[in-house]
Amino acid sequence: MSEARGATGDERAAAGEARAAESAVPPTVQLSERVLDLIRRHAAAAYPYECCGALIGAAVDSDLVDIVDAMALDNVTEEGPRRRFRVSSTDYRQSETRARELGAELVGFYHSHPDHPARPSQYDLDHAWPNFSYVIIAVAQGTPGDLRSWRLRPDRSQFDEETIA
C-alpha cells in the first residue's frame, strides 16, 4: 500500500476503509518464523503480564498483509498489566518511525493473553482501531501457545479472524 507511506493517520484510515469496502474477507497475514519467534519470546518473558508490540510491514493488496518485523513495546497500562495493555503515544510514534526506516508501515499490534485464549476480549474490541491487524498469543503458565490474528470491522462491531500464513 504505497499510498500510505508518509500519510497521516487519517489518510491511512481512509485507505484502509477503502480496502475493507473492496473485500469483506479479512486479509491473510504473513508472519515469518523470525517475527513469530520475537512475539513468542516477548510473551513468555512478560508472563504473567500482558506484553504488547508493534507489527511492521505492508499491505500487499486487499488480500495480504506481509509483516516483516515486530517491535516489542512497553505495556504502560495503569489498569493492571495482567489483563490490560496500553501503548504510549511515544511508542506509537517510534513504531511509525521504525516502519518508515524499513520502507514499510505500521500494520498492527500484538499482545498476549496470560492464561486466557487468543481471542479478543471486550476491552480489546472497545480499544481497537479498524484497518490494523491484531495478533493475540495465548500464554498458559508461562508457555506461549495458540497465536491468532484479528481485524476490527470498519463499523467497529466485532473482530474477524485473519488467516495466518
N, C-alpha and C. Protein backbone atom coordinates (compact mmCIF):
# COMPACT_ATOMS: atom_id res chain seq x y z
N MET A 1 0.85 -1.17 0.00
CA MET A 1 0.00 0.00 0.00
C MET A 1 0.89 1.23 0.00
N SER A 2 1.42 1.56 -1.13
CA SER A 2 2.37 2.64 -1.19
C SER A 2 1.74 4.00 -0.92
N GLU A 3 0.44 4.15 -1.14
CA GLU A 3 -0.17 5.45 -0.89
C GLU A 3 -0.16 5.82 0.58
N ALA A 4 0.08 4.85 1.47
CA ALA A 4 0.07 5.14 2.91
C ALA A 4 1.42 5.62 3.43
N ARG A 5 2.50 5.37 2.69
CA ARG A 5 3.81 5.81 3.18
C ARG A 5 3.83 7.32 3.28
N GLY A 6 4.19 7.81 4.43
CA GLY A 6 4.23 9.25 4.65
C GLY A 6 2.87 9.87 4.86
N ALA A 7 1.82 9.05 4.85
CA ALA A 7 0.47 9.56 5.01
C ALA A 7 0.17 9.78 6.49
N THR A 8 -0.80 10.63 6.75
CA THR A 8 -1.24 10.84 8.12
C THR A 8 -2.10 9.67 8.56
N GLY A 9 -2.36 9.58 9.85
CA GLY A 9 -3.23 8.53 10.37
C GLY A 9 -4.60 8.55 9.72
N ASP A 10 -5.15 9.75 9.51
CA ASP A 10 -6.47 9.86 8.87
C ASP A 10 -6.43 9.35 7.44
N GLU A 11 -5.34 9.65 6.73
CA GLU A 11 -5.22 9.18 5.34
C GLU A 11 -5.08 7.66 5.30
N ARG A 12 -4.31 7.10 6.25
CA ARG A 12 -4.18 5.64 6.30
C ARG A 12 -5.51 5.01 6.64
N ALA A 13 -6.26 5.61 7.55
CA ALA A 13 -7.57 5.07 7.91
C ALA A 13 -8.50 5.08 6.71
N ALA A 14 -8.50 6.15 5.95
CA ALA A 14 -9.36 6.23 4.76
C ALA A 14 -8.95 5.18 3.73
N ALA A 15 -7.64 4.99 3.55
CA ALA A 15 -7.17 3.98 2.60
C ALA A 15 -7.58 2.59 3.08
N GLY A 16 -7.47 2.35 4.39
CA GLY A 16 -7.87 1.05 4.95
C GLY A 16 -9.35 0.80 4.80
N GLU A 17 -10.16 1.83 5.00
CA GLU A 17 -11.60 1.68 4.82
C GLU A 17 -11.94 1.36 3.37
N ALA A 18 -11.23 1.98 2.44
CA ALA A 18 -11.45 1.68 1.02
C ALA A 18 -11.10 0.23 0.74
N ARG A 19 -9.98 -0.27 1.32
CA ARG A 19 -9.62 -1.68 1.14
C ARG A 19 -10.68 -2.58 1.75
N ALA A 20 -11.17 -2.24 2.94
CA ALA A 20 -12.18 -3.06 3.59
C ALA A 20 -13.46 -3.12 2.78
N ALA A 21 -13.81 -2.01 2.15
CA ALA A 21 -15.01 -1.99 1.34
C ALA A 21 -14.85 -2.86 0.10
N GLU A 22 -13.61 -2.98 -0.41
CA GLU A 22 -13.36 -3.81 -1.59
C GLU A 22 -13.57 -5.28 -1.29
N SER A 23 -13.30 -5.69 -0.07
CA SER A 23 -13.34 -7.11 0.26
C SER A 23 -13.86 -7.28 1.68
N ALA A 24 -14.92 -8.09 1.82
CA ALA A 24 -15.47 -8.34 3.14
C ALA A 24 -14.66 -9.41 3.87
N VAL A 25 -13.79 -10.10 3.16
CA VAL A 25 -12.96 -11.14 3.75
C VAL A 25 -11.68 -10.50 4.29
N PRO A 26 -11.35 -10.73 5.56
CA PRO A 26 -10.12 -10.15 6.10
C PRO A 26 -8.91 -10.67 5.34
N PRO A 27 -7.86 -9.88 5.27
CA PRO A 27 -6.67 -10.33 4.54
C PRO A 27 -5.96 -11.46 5.26
N THR A 28 -5.11 -12.15 4.54
CA THR A 28 -4.20 -13.12 5.12
C THR A 28 -3.01 -12.35 5.67
N VAL A 29 -2.54 -12.75 6.85
CA VAL A 29 -1.39 -12.12 7.47
C VAL A 29 -0.22 -13.07 7.33
N GLN A 30 0.85 -12.58 6.72
CA GLN A 30 2.05 -13.39 6.53
C GLN A 30 3.07 -13.01 7.60
N LEU A 31 3.43 -13.98 8.43
CA LEU A 31 4.40 -13.78 9.52
C LEU A 31 5.57 -14.72 9.33
N SER A 32 6.77 -14.19 9.31
CA SER A 32 7.95 -15.05 9.19
C SER A 32 8.20 -15.77 10.51
N GLU A 33 9.01 -16.83 10.46
CA GLU A 33 9.38 -17.54 11.69
C GLU A 33 10.12 -16.61 12.66
N ARG A 34 10.92 -15.69 12.12
CA ARG A 34 11.65 -14.74 12.97
C ARG A 34 10.68 -13.85 13.75
N VAL A 35 9.64 -13.34 13.07
CA VAL A 35 8.65 -12.48 13.73
C VAL A 35 7.85 -13.30 14.75
N LEU A 36 7.45 -14.51 14.37
CA LEU A 36 6.72 -15.37 15.31
C LEU A 36 7.57 -15.64 16.56
N ASP A 37 8.86 -15.89 16.37
CA ASP A 37 9.76 -16.15 17.49
C ASP A 37 9.88 -14.93 18.40
N LEU A 38 10.00 -13.73 17.80
CA LEU A 38 10.07 -12.49 18.60
C LEU A 38 8.83 -12.34 19.47
N ILE A 39 7.66 -12.58 18.89
CA ILE A 39 6.40 -12.44 19.64
C ILE A 39 6.33 -13.48 20.75
N ARG A 40 6.66 -14.73 20.44
CA ARG A 40 6.61 -15.80 21.44
C ARG A 40 7.56 -15.53 22.61
N ARG A 41 8.80 -15.12 22.29
CA ARG A 41 9.77 -14.84 23.35
C ARG A 41 9.33 -13.66 24.22
N HIS A 42 8.78 -12.62 23.61
CA HIS A 42 8.30 -11.46 24.37
C HIS A 42 7.15 -11.87 25.29
N ALA A 43 6.23 -12.68 24.77
CA ALA A 43 5.08 -13.12 25.57
C ALA A 43 5.53 -13.96 26.77
N ALA A 44 6.48 -14.86 26.54
CA ALA A 44 6.99 -15.70 27.64
C ALA A 44 7.71 -14.86 28.68
N ALA A 45 8.51 -13.90 28.24
CA ALA A 45 9.27 -13.06 29.17
C ALA A 45 8.37 -12.16 30.00
N ALA A 46 7.25 -11.72 29.44
CA ALA A 46 6.35 -10.80 30.14
C ALA A 46 5.42 -11.52 31.12
N TYR A 47 5.20 -12.82 30.91
CA TYR A 47 4.27 -13.57 31.75
C TYR A 47 4.62 -13.38 33.23
N PRO A 48 3.67 -13.14 34.12
CA PRO A 48 2.22 -13.29 33.97
C PRO A 48 1.49 -12.03 33.47
N TYR A 49 2.24 -11.10 32.95
CA TYR A 49 1.64 -9.85 32.47
C TYR A 49 1.45 -9.90 30.95
N GLU A 50 0.60 -9.03 30.45
CA GLU A 50 0.41 -8.91 29.02
C GLU A 50 1.60 -8.17 28.42
N CYS A 51 2.11 -8.71 27.33
CA CYS A 51 3.12 -7.98 26.57
C CYS A 51 2.39 -7.28 25.41
N CYS A 52 3.08 -6.36 24.76
CA CYS A 52 2.50 -5.73 23.59
C CYS A 52 3.62 -5.27 22.68
N GLY A 53 3.29 -5.11 21.42
CA GLY A 53 4.29 -4.67 20.46
C GLY A 53 3.64 -4.25 19.16
N ALA A 54 4.46 -3.66 18.31
CA ALA A 54 4.02 -3.16 17.01
C ALA A 54 4.35 -4.17 15.92
N LEU A 55 3.49 -4.21 14.91
CA LEU A 55 3.70 -5.05 13.74
C LEU A 55 4.01 -4.14 12.55
N ILE A 56 5.13 -4.39 11.91
CA ILE A 56 5.59 -3.54 10.82
C ILE A 56 5.62 -4.35 9.54
N GLY A 57 5.09 -3.78 8.48
CA GLY A 57 5.07 -4.49 7.20
C GLY A 57 4.40 -3.66 6.14
N ALA A 58 3.66 -4.34 5.28
CA ALA A 58 2.97 -3.65 4.19
C ALA A 58 1.74 -4.44 3.80
N ALA A 59 0.71 -3.70 3.46
CA ALA A 59 -0.48 -4.31 2.88
C ALA A 59 -0.16 -4.50 1.40
N VAL A 60 0.12 -5.73 1.00
CA VAL A 60 0.50 -6.03 -0.37
C VAL A 60 -0.67 -5.71 -1.30
N ASP A 61 -1.84 -6.10 -0.88
CA ASP A 61 -3.09 -5.78 -1.57
C ASP A 61 -4.21 -6.03 -0.57
N SER A 62 -5.45 -6.04 -1.02
CA SER A 62 -6.56 -6.19 -0.07
C SER A 62 -6.62 -7.60 0.53
N ASP A 63 -5.81 -8.53 -0.02
CA ASP A 63 -5.85 -9.92 0.43
C ASP A 63 -4.65 -10.35 1.27
N LEU A 64 -3.62 -9.51 1.36
CA LEU A 64 -2.40 -9.95 2.04
C LEU A 64 -1.72 -8.81 2.76
N VAL A 65 -1.40 -9.04 4.05
CA VAL A 65 -0.57 -8.13 4.84
C VAL A 65 0.70 -8.89 5.16
N ASP A 66 1.83 -8.37 4.69
CA ASP A 66 3.13 -9.00 4.89
C ASP A 66 3.83 -8.31 6.06
N ILE A 67 3.94 -9.01 7.19
CA ILE A 67 4.56 -8.45 8.39
C ILE A 67 6.03 -8.86 8.40
N VAL A 68 6.92 -7.86 8.34
CA VAL A 68 8.35 -8.12 8.21
C VAL A 68 9.12 -7.91 9.51
N ASP A 69 8.49 -7.26 10.49
CA ASP A 69 9.18 -7.01 11.75
C ASP A 69 8.16 -6.84 12.88
N ALA A 70 8.59 -7.18 14.07
CA ALA A 70 7.80 -6.94 15.28
C ALA A 70 8.67 -6.17 16.24
N MET A 71 8.11 -5.13 16.82
CA MET A 71 8.86 -4.26 17.72
C MET A 71 8.23 -4.33 19.11
N ALA A 72 8.95 -4.91 20.06
CA ALA A 72 8.44 -5.02 21.43
C ALA A 72 8.28 -3.62 22.02
N LEU A 73 7.16 -3.40 22.68
CA LEU A 73 6.86 -2.11 23.31
C LEU A 73 6.58 -2.32 24.79
N ASP A 74 6.73 -1.26 25.57
CA ASP A 74 6.40 -1.33 26.99
C ASP A 74 4.89 -1.29 27.15
N ASN A 75 4.38 -2.10 28.06
CA ASN A 75 2.97 -2.07 28.42
C ASN A 75 2.83 -1.00 29.51
N VAL A 76 2.23 0.13 29.17
CA VAL A 76 2.16 1.25 30.10
C VAL A 76 0.79 1.40 30.76
N THR A 77 0.00 0.34 30.73
CA THR A 77 -1.33 0.44 31.33
C THR A 77 -1.23 0.73 32.83
N GLU A 78 -2.20 1.47 33.29
CA GLU A 78 -2.33 1.70 34.73
C GLU A 78 -3.51 0.92 35.29
N GLU A 79 -4.10 0.06 34.45
CA GLU A 79 -5.28 -0.72 34.85
C GLU A 79 -4.94 -2.14 35.29
N GLY A 80 -3.68 -2.47 35.38
CA GLY A 80 -3.28 -3.81 35.78
C GLY A 80 -2.80 -4.61 34.58
N PRO A 81 -1.49 -4.80 34.44
CA PRO A 81 -0.93 -5.43 33.25
C PRO A 81 -1.21 -6.93 33.11
N ARG A 82 -1.85 -7.55 34.12
CA ARG A 82 -2.22 -8.96 33.96
C ARG A 82 -3.39 -9.12 32.98
N ARG A 83 -4.19 -8.09 32.83
CA ARG A 83 -5.39 -8.20 31.98
C ARG A 83 -5.55 -7.07 30.99
N ARG A 84 -4.60 -6.15 30.93
CA ARG A 84 -4.73 -4.99 30.04
C ARG A 84 -3.37 -4.64 29.46
N PHE A 85 -3.41 -3.98 28.31
CA PHE A 85 -2.19 -3.38 27.78
C PHE A 85 -2.53 -2.03 27.18
N ARG A 86 -1.54 -1.18 27.15
CA ARG A 86 -1.68 0.12 26.51
C ARG A 86 -0.33 0.50 25.93
N VAL A 87 -0.37 1.03 24.72
CA VAL A 87 0.82 1.52 24.03
C VAL A 87 0.86 3.02 24.21
N SER A 88 2.00 3.55 24.64
CA SER A 88 2.12 5.00 24.81
C SER A 88 2.15 5.69 23.45
N SER A 89 1.78 6.96 23.44
CA SER A 89 1.82 7.72 22.19
C SER A 89 3.25 7.84 21.68
N THR A 90 4.21 7.92 22.58
CA THR A 90 5.62 7.99 22.18
C THR A 90 6.04 6.70 21.48
N ASP A 91 5.67 5.54 22.05
CA ASP A 91 5.99 4.26 21.43
C ASP A 91 5.28 4.11 20.08
N TYR A 92 4.05 4.60 19.99
CA TYR A 92 3.31 4.54 18.73
C TYR A 92 4.09 5.32 17.65
N ARG A 93 4.51 6.53 17.99
CA ARG A 93 5.27 7.35 17.03
C ARG A 93 6.60 6.70 16.68
N GLN A 94 7.27 6.11 17.66
CA GLN A 94 8.54 5.43 17.39
C GLN A 94 8.32 4.22 16.48
N SER A 95 7.19 3.55 16.63
CA SER A 95 6.86 2.41 15.76
C SER A 95 6.67 2.87 14.33
N GLU A 96 5.98 3.99 14.14
CA GLU A 96 5.80 4.54 12.80
C GLU A 96 7.15 4.95 12.20
N THR A 97 8.01 5.55 13.01
CA THR A 97 9.34 5.95 12.54
C THR A 97 10.14 4.72 12.11
N ARG A 98 10.13 3.68 12.93
CA ARG A 98 10.85 2.44 12.59
C ARG A 98 10.31 1.86 11.29
N ALA A 99 9.01 1.87 11.12
CA ALA A 99 8.41 1.35 9.89
C ALA A 99 8.91 2.13 8.68
N ARG A 100 8.91 3.45 8.79
CA ARG A 100 9.40 4.28 7.67
C ARG A 100 10.86 3.97 7.36
N GLU A 101 11.67 3.77 8.40
CA GLU A 101 13.08 3.43 8.20
C GLU A 101 13.23 2.14 7.41
N LEU A 102 12.30 1.23 7.58
CA LEU A 102 12.33 -0.05 6.87
C LEU A 102 11.63 0.01 5.51
N GLY A 103 11.10 1.20 5.16
CA GLY A 103 10.35 1.32 3.91
C GLY A 103 9.02 0.61 3.98
N ALA A 104 8.47 0.56 5.18
CA ALA A 104 7.22 -0.17 5.43
C ALA A 104 6.25 0.75 6.16
N GLU A 105 5.27 0.15 6.82
CA GLU A 105 4.30 0.92 7.58
C GLU A 105 3.87 0.14 8.82
N LEU A 106 3.29 0.84 9.75
CA LEU A 106 2.72 0.22 10.94
C LEU A 106 1.42 -0.45 10.51
N VAL A 107 1.36 -1.78 10.61
CA VAL A 107 0.18 -2.51 10.12
C VAL A 107 -0.64 -3.14 11.23
N GLY A 108 -0.16 -3.02 12.47
CA GLY A 108 -0.94 -3.59 13.56
C GLY A 108 -0.16 -3.69 14.85
N PHE A 109 -0.73 -4.44 15.76
CA PHE A 109 -0.13 -4.63 17.08
C PHE A 109 -0.31 -6.08 17.51
N TYR A 110 0.54 -6.52 18.42
CA TYR A 110 0.35 -7.82 19.04
C TYR A 110 0.29 -7.64 20.54
N HIS A 111 -0.35 -8.59 21.20
CA HIS A 111 -0.31 -8.63 22.65
C HIS A 111 -0.61 -10.05 23.10
N SER A 112 -0.31 -10.31 24.36
CA SER A 112 -0.52 -11.64 24.91
C SER A 112 -1.75 -11.66 25.81
N HIS A 113 -2.30 -12.86 25.95
CA HIS A 113 -3.38 -13.10 26.90
C HIS A 113 -2.89 -14.17 27.88
N PRO A 114 -2.35 -13.74 29.03
CA PRO A 114 -1.87 -14.71 30.02
C PRO A 114 -3.01 -15.57 30.57
N ASP A 115 -2.86 -16.87 30.41
CA ASP A 115 -3.83 -17.85 30.92
C ASP A 115 -5.25 -17.61 30.41
N HIS A 116 -5.33 -17.10 29.18
CA HIS A 116 -6.62 -16.89 28.50
C HIS A 116 -6.43 -17.18 27.02
N PRO A 117 -7.53 -17.47 26.32
CA PRO A 117 -7.43 -17.81 24.89
C PRO A 117 -6.97 -16.63 24.03
N ALA A 118 -6.50 -16.95 22.83
CA ALA A 118 -6.02 -15.96 21.87
C ALA A 118 -7.19 -15.38 21.08
N ARG A 119 -8.19 -14.91 21.81
CA ARG A 119 -9.37 -14.27 21.22
C ARG A 119 -9.51 -12.88 21.82
N PRO A 120 -10.00 -11.92 21.01
CA PRO A 120 -10.15 -10.56 21.54
C PRO A 120 -11.17 -10.51 22.68
N SER A 121 -10.85 -9.74 23.67
CA SER A 121 -11.76 -9.50 24.79
C SER A 121 -12.65 -8.31 24.46
N GLN A 122 -13.61 -8.05 25.30
CA GLN A 122 -14.44 -6.85 25.13
C GLN A 122 -13.59 -5.59 25.22
N TYR A 123 -12.60 -5.62 26.11
CA TYR A 123 -11.68 -4.49 26.24
C TYR A 123 -10.93 -4.28 24.92
N ASP A 124 -10.47 -5.38 24.32
CA ASP A 124 -9.78 -5.27 23.02
C ASP A 124 -10.71 -4.64 21.99
N LEU A 125 -11.95 -5.08 21.95
CA LEU A 125 -12.92 -4.53 21.00
C LEU A 125 -13.14 -3.04 21.24
N ASP A 126 -13.25 -2.65 22.49
CA ASP A 126 -13.51 -1.24 22.83
C ASP A 126 -12.34 -0.32 22.51
N HIS A 127 -11.12 -0.86 22.43
CA HIS A 127 -9.94 -0.01 22.27
C HIS A 127 -9.20 -0.19 20.94
N ALA A 128 -9.70 -1.05 20.08
CA ALA A 128 -9.03 -1.30 18.80
C ALA A 128 -9.44 -0.27 17.75
N TRP A 129 -8.63 -0.21 16.70
CA TRP A 129 -8.91 0.65 15.55
C TRP A 129 -9.07 -0.23 14.33
N PRO A 130 -10.02 0.11 13.46
CA PRO A 130 -10.13 -0.64 12.20
C PRO A 130 -8.84 -0.47 11.38
N ASN A 131 -8.64 -1.35 10.44
CA ASN A 131 -7.54 -1.30 9.46
C ASN A 131 -6.21 -1.77 10.00
N PHE A 132 -6.17 -2.26 11.23
CA PHE A 132 -4.95 -2.84 11.78
C PHE A 132 -5.17 -4.33 12.00
N SER A 133 -4.08 -5.08 11.92
CA SER A 133 -4.10 -6.49 12.33
C SER A 133 -3.76 -6.53 13.81
N TYR A 134 -4.45 -7.38 14.54
CA TYR A 134 -4.20 -7.56 15.97
C TYR A 134 -3.86 -9.03 16.22
N VAL A 135 -2.60 -9.30 16.44
CA VAL A 135 -2.15 -10.65 16.74
C VAL A 135 -2.23 -10.84 18.24
N ILE A 136 -2.89 -11.91 18.65
CA ILE A 136 -3.01 -12.23 20.07
C ILE A 136 -2.42 -13.62 20.28
N ILE A 137 -1.56 -13.72 21.29
CA ILE A 137 -0.95 -15.00 21.63
C ILE A 137 -1.38 -15.41 23.04
N ALA A 138 -1.88 -16.64 23.16
CA ALA A 138 -2.22 -17.19 24.47
C ALA A 138 -0.94 -17.67 25.15
N VAL A 139 -0.84 -17.42 26.44
CA VAL A 139 0.31 -17.88 27.22
C VAL A 139 -0.25 -18.62 28.43
N ALA A 140 -0.02 -19.94 28.47
CA ALA A 140 -0.53 -20.77 29.57
C ALA A 140 0.61 -21.13 30.51
N GLN A 141 0.51 -20.66 31.75
CA GLN A 141 1.53 -20.94 32.76
C GLN A 141 2.94 -20.63 32.25
N GLY A 142 3.06 -19.53 31.51
CA GLY A 142 4.36 -19.07 31.04
C GLY A 142 4.79 -19.63 29.69
N THR A 143 4.00 -20.54 29.12
CA THR A 143 4.36 -21.15 27.84
C THR A 143 3.49 -20.59 26.72
N PRO A 144 4.11 -19.92 25.74
CA PRO A 144 3.34 -19.40 24.60
C PRO A 144 2.67 -20.53 23.84
N GLY A 145 1.43 -20.27 23.42
CA GLY A 145 0.68 -21.29 22.70
C GLY A 145 0.03 -20.74 21.45
N ASP A 146 -1.28 -20.90 21.40
CA ASP A 146 -2.08 -20.51 20.25
C ASP A 146 -1.85 -19.04 19.90
N LEU A 147 -1.64 -18.76 18.62
CA LEU A 147 -1.44 -17.39 18.14
C LEU A 147 -2.41 -17.18 16.99
N ARG A 148 -3.22 -16.12 17.11
CA ARG A 148 -4.24 -15.84 16.09
C ARG A 148 -4.22 -14.35 15.77
N SER A 149 -4.73 -14.00 14.59
CA SER A 149 -4.76 -12.61 14.17
C SER A 149 -6.19 -12.19 13.87
N TRP A 150 -6.49 -10.95 14.21
CA TRP A 150 -7.85 -10.42 14.12
C TRP A 150 -7.84 -9.04 13.48
N ARG A 151 -8.94 -8.69 12.85
CA ARG A 151 -9.12 -7.36 12.25
C ARG A 151 -10.50 -6.84 12.66
N LEU A 152 -10.53 -5.62 13.17
CA LEU A 152 -11.78 -4.99 13.57
C LEU A 152 -12.55 -4.56 12.34
N ARG A 153 -13.82 -4.85 12.32
CA ARG A 153 -14.66 -4.41 11.21
C ARG A 153 -14.73 -2.89 11.18
N PRO A 154 -14.91 -2.30 9.98
CA PRO A 154 -14.98 -0.84 9.87
C PRO A 154 -16.07 -0.21 10.75
N ASP A 155 -17.16 -0.95 11.00
CA ASP A 155 -18.23 -0.41 11.84
C ASP A 155 -17.95 -0.63 13.33
N ARG A 156 -16.80 -1.24 13.64
CA ARG A 156 -16.32 -1.50 15.00
C ARG A 156 -17.22 -2.45 15.80
N SER A 157 -18.05 -3.22 15.12
CA SER A 157 -18.99 -4.09 15.81
C SER A 157 -18.36 -5.38 16.34
N GLN A 158 -17.34 -5.88 15.66
CA GLN A 158 -16.69 -7.11 16.08
C GLN A 158 -15.40 -7.32 15.29
N PHE A 159 -14.63 -8.31 15.74
CA PHE A 159 -13.42 -8.70 15.03
C PHE A 159 -13.71 -9.84 14.09
N ASP A 160 -12.98 -9.91 12.99
CA ASP A 160 -12.98 -11.07 12.12
C ASP A 160 -11.59 -11.68 12.18
N GLU A 161 -11.52 -13.00 12.20
CA GLU A 161 -10.21 -13.64 12.27
C GLU A 161 -9.53 -13.60 10.90
N GLU A 162 -8.24 -13.29 10.94
CA GLU A 162 -7.41 -13.28 9.74
C GLU A 162 -6.67 -14.62 9.66
N THR A 163 -6.47 -15.10 8.46
CA THR A 163 -5.66 -16.31 8.25
C THR A 163 -4.20 -15.93 8.42
N ILE A 164 -3.44 -16.77 9.13
CA ILE A 164 -2.01 -16.55 9.28
C ILE A 164 -1.28 -17.53 8.36
N ALA A 165 -0.38 -16.97 7.55
CA ALA A 165 0.41 -17.81 6.63
C ALA A 165 1.86 -17.77 7.07
